[in-house]
Protein backbone atom coordinates (compact mmCIF):
# COMPACT_ATOMS: atom_id res chain seq x y z
CA MET A 1 -42.38 -16.04 -15.45
CA ASN A 2 -40.89 -14.13 -18.42
CA ILE A 3 -37.30 -12.91 -18.79
CA ARG A 4 -38.12 -9.42 -17.48
CA HIS A 5 -39.59 -10.74 -14.22
CA THR A 6 -36.75 -13.24 -13.80
CA THR A 7 -34.14 -10.53 -14.30
CA ILE A 8 -35.86 -8.14 -11.88
CA ALA A 9 -35.99 -10.88 -9.26
CA LYS A 10 -32.25 -11.47 -9.69
CA LEU A 11 -31.54 -7.74 -9.46
CA GLN A 12 -33.41 -7.48 -6.18
CA GLN A 13 -31.03 -10.03 -4.67
CA LEU A 14 -27.87 -8.10 -5.56
CA SER A 15 -25.88 -5.84 -3.26
CA GLU A 16 -25.57 -2.13 -4.10
CA ARG A 17 -22.04 -2.61 -5.41
CA LEU A 18 -23.06 -5.40 -7.78
CA LEU A 19 -26.19 -3.53 -8.75
CA GLN A 20 -24.04 -0.57 -9.85
CA GLU A 21 -21.92 -2.91 -11.98
CA VAL A 22 -25.04 -4.37 -13.62
CA SER A 23 -26.37 -0.85 -14.24
CA ASP A 24 -23.08 0.14 -15.92
CA PHE A 25 -23.24 -2.99 -18.07
CA ILE A 26 -26.81 -2.21 -19.11
CA ASP A 27 -25.69 1.29 -20.14
CA PHE A 28 -22.88 -0.27 -22.20
CA VAL A 29 -25.25 -2.70 -23.95
CA ILE A 30 -27.72 0.11 -24.76
CA HIS A 31 -24.91 2.31 -26.13
CA LYS A 32 -23.48 -0.57 -28.18
CA HIS A 33 -26.80 -1.39 -29.82
CA ARG A 34 -27.58 2.25 -30.56
CA ALA A 35 -24.23 2.54 -32.35
CA GLU A 36 -24.89 -0.66 -34.32
CA ILE A 37 -28.32 0.58 -35.38
CA ALA A 38 -26.93 3.99 -36.37
CA ASN A 39 -24.17 2.36 -38.44
CA SER A 40 -26.49 -0.10 -40.15
CA GLN A 41 -29.07 2.49 -41.25
CA PRO A 42 -27.61 5.18 -43.53
CA ASP A 43 -28.72 8.71 -42.89
CA GLU A 44 -31.45 9.56 -45.40
CA VAL A 45 -30.45 13.24 -45.49
CA LEU A 46 -26.86 12.30 -46.34
CA ILE A 47 -28.04 9.95 -49.10
CA LYS A 48 -30.25 12.64 -50.62
CA THR A 49 -27.47 15.24 -50.43
CA TRP A 50 -24.95 12.98 -52.18
CA SER A 51 -27.55 12.02 -54.81
CA ARG A 52 -28.21 15.68 -55.61
CA TRP A 53 -24.47 16.35 -55.81
CA PHE A 54 -23.89 13.44 -58.21
CA GLU A 55 -26.82 14.55 -60.36
CA SER A 56 -25.45 18.09 -60.58
CA VAL A 57 -21.94 16.83 -61.38
CA ASP A 58 -23.31 14.55 -64.10
CA HIS A 59 -24.74 17.61 -65.86
CA LEU A 60 -21.57 19.73 -65.75
CA ASP A 61 -20.09 20.88 -69.02
CA VAL A 62 -16.56 19.51 -69.24
CA THR A 63 -15.56 20.82 -72.65
CA PRO A 64 -12.04 22.27 -72.58
CA LEU A 65 -11.66 26.00 -72.67
CA ASP A 66 -9.62 27.49 -75.51
CA VAL A 67 -7.52 29.66 -73.26
CA THR A 68 -3.92 30.31 -74.05
CA PRO A 69 -1.62 30.53 -71.06
CA PRO A 70 -0.19 33.97 -70.33
CA GLU A 71 3.31 34.77 -71.47
CA PRO A 72 6.02 34.13 -68.86
CA ALA A 73 6.82 37.24 -66.87
CA SER A 74 10.44 36.37 -66.16
CA THR A 75 13.37 34.49 -67.61
CA TYR A 76 12.99 31.86 -64.88
CA GLN A 77 9.39 31.20 -65.85
CA ARG A 78 10.30 30.97 -69.53
CA LEU A 79 13.15 28.50 -68.81
CA LEU A 80 10.91 26.42 -66.55
CA ILE A 81 8.18 26.23 -69.20
CA ASN A 82 10.76 25.24 -71.83
CA LYS A 83 12.06 22.47 -69.55
CA TYR A 84 8.54 21.11 -69.02
CA GLN A 85 7.86 21.20 -72.74
CA GLN A 86 11.12 19.34 -73.46
CA GLN A 87 9.88 16.59 -71.13
CA GLY A 88 6.66 16.34 -73.12
CA LEU A 89 4.48 18.12 -70.58
CA GLU A 90 1.86 20.63 -71.63
CA LEU A 91 0.74 23.60 -69.61
């Protein structure tokens, strides 16, 4: 007798209350193993999407733009920029 037949024979001897408990446990085991399988096998679509993103980012032009910041519109902005520059910060 294999494990399936042995288990079925044991199930046939159980009361309805115990049979419900076994059924709930079987559902738990199935759910647990599905989650383990899903976590152990990465989603191929996700892998391909990230790969395309990294490829596109690798080809981006990152040369700095020669853009001068606009002149401060108010005295507050001018004073704030001066304070940052005194601290060695560049805008």
